[in-house]
Amino acid sequence: MHNEADDYKMIDRAAGVAFSNLQRPVVPAWVNKEPITDDTRFWPTEPDPETFNGLSAEGWEYLLKLERDARKLQGLALFLGGLLVLFTTVAVIMYQAGWIIH
């Protein structure tokens, strides 16, 4: 005779194993390739006078250019979204007024 309680125990055990496998941190192999030295440390012991928050002057210029481009694209997206709403509203009004055949 088949015991249903054993099935539930087996399912519970399998779920526990699967959940414990999900809890293990997965570290890519490249993370531990190089030893941590003063040159590869995330927080350098002495700040480099040529950089600010790890970016050089050229890096900051590039970052600011990207931000300007992003703001332009955001403005364009808002403008086009407004046009879409306007055209949709006009089309609905024309449809309700009978100016568009329906």
Protein backbone atom coordinates (compact mmCIF):
# COMPACT_ATOMS: atom_id res chain seq x y z
CA MET A 1 0.00 0.00 0.00
CA HIS A 2 1.23 3.48 -0.89
CA ASN A 3 1.71 5.86 2.03
CA GLU A 4 0.84 9.47 1.25
CA ALA A 5 2.71 10.81 4.29
CA ASP A 6 5.99 9.42 2.91
CA ASP A 7 5.37 11.28 -0.35
CA TYR A 8 4.93 14.55 1.51
CA LYS A 9 8.11 13.90 3.53
CA MET A 10 10.02 13.23 0.32
CA ILE A 11 8.67 16.39 -1.32
CA ASP A 12 9.50 18.39 1.81
CA ARG A 13 13.07 17.02 1.82
CA ALA A 14 13.52 17.81 -1.89
CA ALA A 15 12.19 21.34 -1.42
CA GLY A 16 14.58 21.86 1.50
CA VAL A 17 17.55 20.73 -0.58
CA ALA A 18 16.51 22.95 -3.48
CA PHE A 19 16.04 25.93 -1.17
CA SER A 20 19.42 25.39 0.49
CA ASN A 21 21.04 25.26 -2.95
CA LEU A 22 19.44 28.63 -3.74
CA GLN A 23 20.89 30.13 -0.57
CA ARG A 24 24.50 29.38 -1.50
CA PRO A 25 26.24 32.47 -2.89
CA VAL A 26 27.34 31.98 -6.45
CA VAL A 27 30.67 33.70 -6.97
CA PRO A 28 31.97 33.94 -10.55
CA ALA A 29 35.42 32.43 -11.09
CA TRP A 30 36.96 35.75 -12.14
CA VAL A 31 36.27 37.30 -8.72
CA ASN A 32 38.94 35.30 -6.91
CA LYS A 33 41.47 35.15 -9.75
CA GLU A 34 43.70 38.01 -8.66
CA PRO A 35 44.96 38.39 -5.10
CA ILE A 36 43.94 41.51 -3.21
CA THR A 37 46.86 43.89 -2.99
CA ASP A 38 47.11 47.62 -2.40
CA ASP A 39 46.73 48.16 -6.14
CA THR A 40 43.57 46.03 -6.48
CA ARG A 41 41.91 47.00 -3.20
CA PHE A 42 38.45 48.55 -3.64
CA TRP A 43 39.18 51.34 -1.18
CA PRO A 44 42.72 52.57 -1.81
CA THR A 45 44.70 53.50 1.26
CA GLU A 46 45.69 56.87 -0.21
CA PRO A 47 43.41 58.71 -2.65
CA ASP A 48 44.82 59.38 -6.07
CA PRO A 49 44.96 63.15 -6.61
CA GLU A 50 44.23 62.68 -10.32
CA THR A 51 40.83 61.08 -9.70
CA PHE A 52 37.62 61.89 -7.87
CA ASN A 53 35.59 58.90 -6.69
CA GLY A 54 37.68 56.73 -8.95
CA LEU A 55 37.00 58.71 -12.14
CA SER A 56 39.50 60.83 -14.00
CA ALA A 57 38.63 64.21 -15.50
CA GLU A 58 37.97 62.54 -18.87
CA GLY A 59 35.73 60.00 -17.18
CA TRP A 60 33.70 62.76 -15.52
CA GLU A 61 33.36 64.62 -18.83
CA TYR A 62 32.11 61.44 -20.48
CA LEU A 63 29.71 60.80 -17.60
CA LEU A 64 28.32 64.36 -17.80
CA LYS A 65 27.93 64.01 -21.58
CA LEU A 66 25.97 60.79 -21.04
CA GLU A 67 23.76 62.57 -18.52
CA ARG A 68 23.07 65.41 -20.97
CA ASP A 69 22.21 62.91 -23.69
CA ALA A 70 19.91 61.05 -21.30
CA ARG A 71 18.09 64.27 -20.42
CA LYS A 72 17.63 65.06 -24.13
CA LEU A 73 16.20 61.60 -24.75
CA GLN A 74 13.93 61.94 -21.73
CA GLY A 75 12.61 65.25 -23.04
CA LEU A 76 12.06 63.75 -26.49
CA ALA A 77 10.20 60.79 -25.00
CA LEU A 78 7.95 63.12 -22.96
CA PHE A 79 7.26 65.26 -26.05
CA LEU A 80 6.39 62.26 -28.20
CA GLY A 81 4.22 60.81 -25.42
CA GLY A 82 2.35 64.12 -25.20
CA LEU A 83 1.81 64.13 -28.97
CA LEU A 84 0.47 60.58 -28.80
CA VAL A 85 -2.01 61.55 -26.07
CA LEU A 86 -3.05 64.65 -28.04
CA PHE A 87 -3.61 62.75 -31.29
CA THR A 88 -5.50 60.01 -29.47
CA THR A 89 -7.74 62.58 -27.77
CA VAL A 90 -8.45 64.34 -31.08
CA ALA A 91 -9.22 61.01 -32.77
CA VAL A 92 -11.62 60.02 -29.96
CA ILE A 93 -13.40 63.41 -30.13
CA MET A 94 -13.68 63.13 -33.92
CA TYR A 95 -15.05 59.60 -33.58
CA GLN A 96 -17.61 60.64 -30.96
CA ALA A 97 -18.70 63.65 -33.03
CA GLY A 98 -19.22 61.49 -36.10
CA TRP A 99 -16.47 63.10 -38.18
CA ILE A 100 -14.87 59.69 -38.58
CA ILE A 101 -17.06 57.04 -40.20
CA HIS A 102 -18.03 54.36 -37.73
